[in-house]
Amino acid sequence: MCAMMVAVSMTGCGLGIFMSAPEREKEPAPQTQEVQQEDTTAAQEEKTEAATEETTADYVALEDGTYSTNFVTENEDGMAYIKSIEFTEDGVILEASLVKVHNIDWSDAEDMECNKYFIPTGASTSYISGGGEQDPIPFERSEFDSYLQGAMSSGLGLSFKIENGVATEIGIWS
């Protein structure tokens, strides 16, 4: 009887060697746990992908190119303007009028009406700010989000470049 009590108490400490064969068979094998983890990861990726598709369906898609707008909250003298801007996990939601810049000299800039746009971002998206002849200052995404919120109604410019459907650069300029 003493041996049986020792086996029971040691099993509670995680020493399964004292368990009977039927009890050991109830524990999942490490390989089973890995498969369960992979299934969970795949399910999470599917949820994220579905959420992205749902998010982007509510907004006007932007083609690859360079875009610009201004941190003013209403149309002042025909300027492109921003009504709202918000970072999400996978991009930026921007309610604004935009200018699509085709040439560096803006000779054939295309005005775009005020809409809600979704700008996908990724790990390689750079966040910068600059003005004048100074070199642009790089920001971490979280810092840039805070800086961006403080720029509302400042009159500063916002530009972003989209390549292969993802923003490669988002910048605030004076």
Protein backbone atom coordinates (compact mmCIF):
# COMPACT_ATOMS: atom_id res chain seq x y z
CA MET A 1 0.00 0.00 0.00
CA CYS A 2 2.93 2.37 0.68
CA ALA A 3 4.28 1.83 -2.82
CA MET A 4 0.90 2.70 -4.32
CA MET A 5 0.72 5.95 -2.33
CA VAL A 6 4.23 6.94 -3.47
CA ALA A 7 3.29 6.30 -7.09
CA VAL A 8 0.16 8.43 -6.79
CA SER A 9 1.99 11.31 -5.14
CA MET A 10 4.86 11.23 -7.66
CA THR A 11 2.43 11.26 -10.59
CA GLY A 12 1.09 14.54 -9.26
CA CYS A 13 4.65 15.93 -9.52
CA GLY A 14 4.77 15.12 -13.22
CA LEU A 15 6.62 11.84 -12.99
CA GLY A 16 4.45 9.83 -15.37
CA ILE A 17 6.71 6.80 -15.27
CA PHE A 18 4.68 5.54 -12.32
CA MET A 19 1.39 5.77 -14.24
CA SER A 20 -0.26 2.70 -15.58
CA ALA A 21 -0.09 2.06 -19.34
CA PRO A 22 -3.72 3.20 -20.00
CA GLU A 23 -3.04 6.49 -18.17
CA ARG A 24 0.11 7.21 -20.20
CA GLU A 25 -1.79 6.65 -23.45
CA LYS A 26 -4.19 9.48 -22.54
CA GLU A 27 -1.42 12.10 -22.72
CA PRO A 28 -1.02 13.64 -26.20
CA ALA A 29 2.26 12.91 -27.91
CA PRO A 30 4.54 15.91 -28.57
CA GLN A 31 3.93 15.51 -32.31
CA THR A 32 0.17 15.90 -31.74
CA GLN A 33 0.78 19.12 -29.81
CA GLU A 34 2.87 20.52 -32.72
CA VAL A 35 0.08 19.71 -35.20
CA GLN A 36 -2.43 21.44 -32.91
CA GLN A 37 -0.13 24.51 -32.77
CA GLU A 38 0.16 24.56 -36.57
CA ASP A 39 -3.63 24.34 -36.90
CA THR A 40 -4.02 27.25 -34.47
CA THR A 41 -1.45 29.34 -36.37
CA ALA A 42 -3.15 28.60 -39.70
CA ALA A 43 -6.53 29.57 -38.23
CA GLN A 44 -5.09 32.86 -36.91
CA GLU A 45 -3.58 33.65 -40.33
CA GLU A 46 -6.94 32.97 -42.00
CA LYS A 47 -8.70 35.30 -39.53
CA THR A 48 -6.14 38.07 -40.19
CA GLU A 49 -6.45 37.61 -43.95
CA ALA A 50 -10.26 37.69 -43.74
CA ALA A 51 -10.16 40.82 -41.58
CA THR A 52 -7.85 42.53 -44.09
CA GLU A 53 -10.14 41.64 -46.97
CA GLU A 54 -13.15 42.90 -44.99
CA THR A 55 -11.31 46.11 -44.12
CA THR A 56 -10.15 46.83 -47.66
CA ALA A 57 -13.59 46.12 -49.12
CA ASP A 58 -14.94 49.22 -47.32
CA TYR A 59 -12.40 51.59 -48.89
CA VAL A 60 -11.31 52.87 -52.28
CA ALA A 61 -8.24 50.97 -53.49
CA LEU A 62 -5.21 52.92 -54.63
CA GLU A 63 -3.03 51.92 -57.55
CA ASP A 64 0.74 51.90 -57.35
CA GLY A 65 2.09 55.44 -57.43
CA THR A 66 2.93 58.49 -55.36
CA TYR A 67 0.21 60.40 -53.56
CA SER A 68 0.06 63.63 -51.60
CA THR A 69 -2.38 65.48 -49.36
CA ASN A 70 -2.28 68.14 -46.64
CA PHE A 71 -2.96 68.25 -42.93
CA VAL A 72 -5.86 70.68 -43.25
CA THR A 73 -9.34 69.52 -42.27
CA GLU A 74 -11.33 71.13 -45.06
CA ASN A 75 -10.85 72.11 -48.66
CA GLU A 76 -8.99 75.44 -48.47
CA ASP A 77 -8.37 77.08 -51.84
CA GLY A 78 -8.55 73.79 -53.69
CA MET A 79 -5.91 72.08 -51.52
CA ALA A 80 -6.06 68.35 -50.93
CA TYR A 81 -7.08 67.77 -47.32
CA ILE A 82 -7.40 65.13 -44.60
CA LYS A 83 -10.62 64.53 -42.66
CA SER A 84 -9.22 61.66 -40.60
CA ILE A 85 -6.27 59.29 -40.44
CA GLU A 86 -5.82 56.12 -38.39
CA PHE A 87 -3.21 53.37 -38.17
CA THR A 88 -4.44 49.79 -38.07
CA GLU A 89 -2.46 46.59 -37.62
CA ASP A 90 -1.86 46.23 -41.36
CA GLY A 91 -2.21 49.71 -42.81
CA VAL A 92 -3.51 53.25 -42.65
CA ILE A 93 -7.13 54.32 -43.06
CA LEU A 94 -7.22 57.75 -44.59
CA GLU A 95 -10.31 59.84 -45.28
CA ALA A 96 -9.00 62.56 -47.53
CA SER A 97 -8.79 64.12 -50.94
CA LEU A 98 -5.55 63.21 -52.68
CA VAL A 99 -3.28 64.25 -55.51
CA LYS A 100 -1.66 61.46 -57.50
CA VAL A 101 1.73 62.68 -58.67
CA HIS A 102 2.85 61.22 -62.00
CA ASN A 103 5.96 63.37 -62.57
CA ILE A 104 8.35 64.94 -60.11
CA ASP A 105 7.46 68.39 -61.46
CA TRP A 106 3.73 67.77 -60.79
CA SER A 107 2.99 68.73 -64.42
CA ASP A 108 0.28 66.10 -64.75
CA ALA A 109 -0.87 65.73 -61.14
CA GLU A 110 -4.28 64.09 -60.85
CA ASP A 111 -6.76 65.38 -58.24
CA MET A 112 -8.72 62.66 -56.48
CA GLU A 113 -11.94 63.34 -54.61
CA CYS A 114 -12.39 62.89 -50.89
CA ASN A 115 -12.91 59.21 -50.08
CA LYS A 116 -11.93 56.65 -47.49
CA TYR A 117 -8.74 54.97 -48.64
CA PHE A 118 -6.87 52.01 -47.18
CA ILE A 119 -3.08 52.12 -47.53
CA PRO A 120 -1.55 48.71 -46.79
CA THR A 121 1.75 48.79 -44.89
CA GLY A 122 4.34 46.11 -44.31
CA ALA A 123 7.59 45.37 -42.53
CA SER A 124 9.54 47.27 -45.20
CA THR A 125 7.41 50.45 -45.05
CA SER A 126 9.54 53.42 -43.98
CA TYR A 127 8.12 56.31 -41.96
CA ILE A 128 9.90 59.63 -42.36
CA SER A 129 9.54 63.35 -41.81
CA GLY A 130 11.47 66.28 -43.20
CA GLY A 131 11.48 69.67 -44.73
CA GLY A 132 13.67 72.24 -46.33
CA GLU A 133 17.15 71.04 -47.13
CA GLN A 134 17.46 68.76 -44.10
CA ASP A 135 17.73 65.02 -44.51
CA PRO A 136 14.52 63.15 -43.69
CA ILE A 137 14.24 61.83 -40.14
CA PRO A 138 13.24 58.15 -39.87
CA PHE A 139 10.63 57.07 -37.32
CA GLU A 140 9.48 53.79 -35.82
CA ARG A 141 5.88 53.08 -36.76
CA SER A 142 4.52 53.76 -33.24
CA GLU A 143 6.42 57.07 -33.02
CA PHE A 144 5.18 58.06 -36.44
CA ASP A 145 1.56 57.35 -35.50
CA SER A 146 1.86 59.74 -32.53
CA TYR A 147 3.61 62.36 -34.67
CA LEU A 148 0.95 61.96 -37.34
CA GLN A 149 -1.91 62.58 -34.89
CA GLY A 150 -0.18 65.76 -33.71
CA ALA A 151 0.11 67.01 -37.28
CA MET A 152 -3.66 67.30 -37.88
CA SER A 153 -4.63 70.85 -38.91
CA SER A 154 -0.94 71.84 -39.06
CA GLY A 155 -0.86 72.53 -42.79
CA LEU A 156 2.02 70.08 -43.26
CA GLY A 157 2.02 67.72 -46.20
CA LEU A 158 1.56 63.95 -46.18
CA SER A 159 2.90 61.82 -48.99
CA PHE A 160 3.09 58.11 -49.56
CA LYS A 161 4.39 55.82 -52.24
CA ILE A 162 2.71 52.52 -53.08
CA GLU A 163 4.59 49.75 -54.90
CA ASN A 164 3.15 46.29 -55.56
CA GLY A 165 0.07 47.25 -53.53
CA VAL A 166 1.95 48.18 -50.31
CA ALA A 167 3.22 51.52 -49.03
CA THR A 168 7.00 51.64 -49.26
CA GLU A 169 7.23 55.10 -47.72
CA ILE A 170 4.95 57.42 -45.75
CA GLY A 171 6.25 60.90 -45.03
CA ILE A 172 5.25 64.16 -43.38
CA TRP A 173 6.77 67.26 -44.96
CA SER A 174 6.94 70.98 -44.31
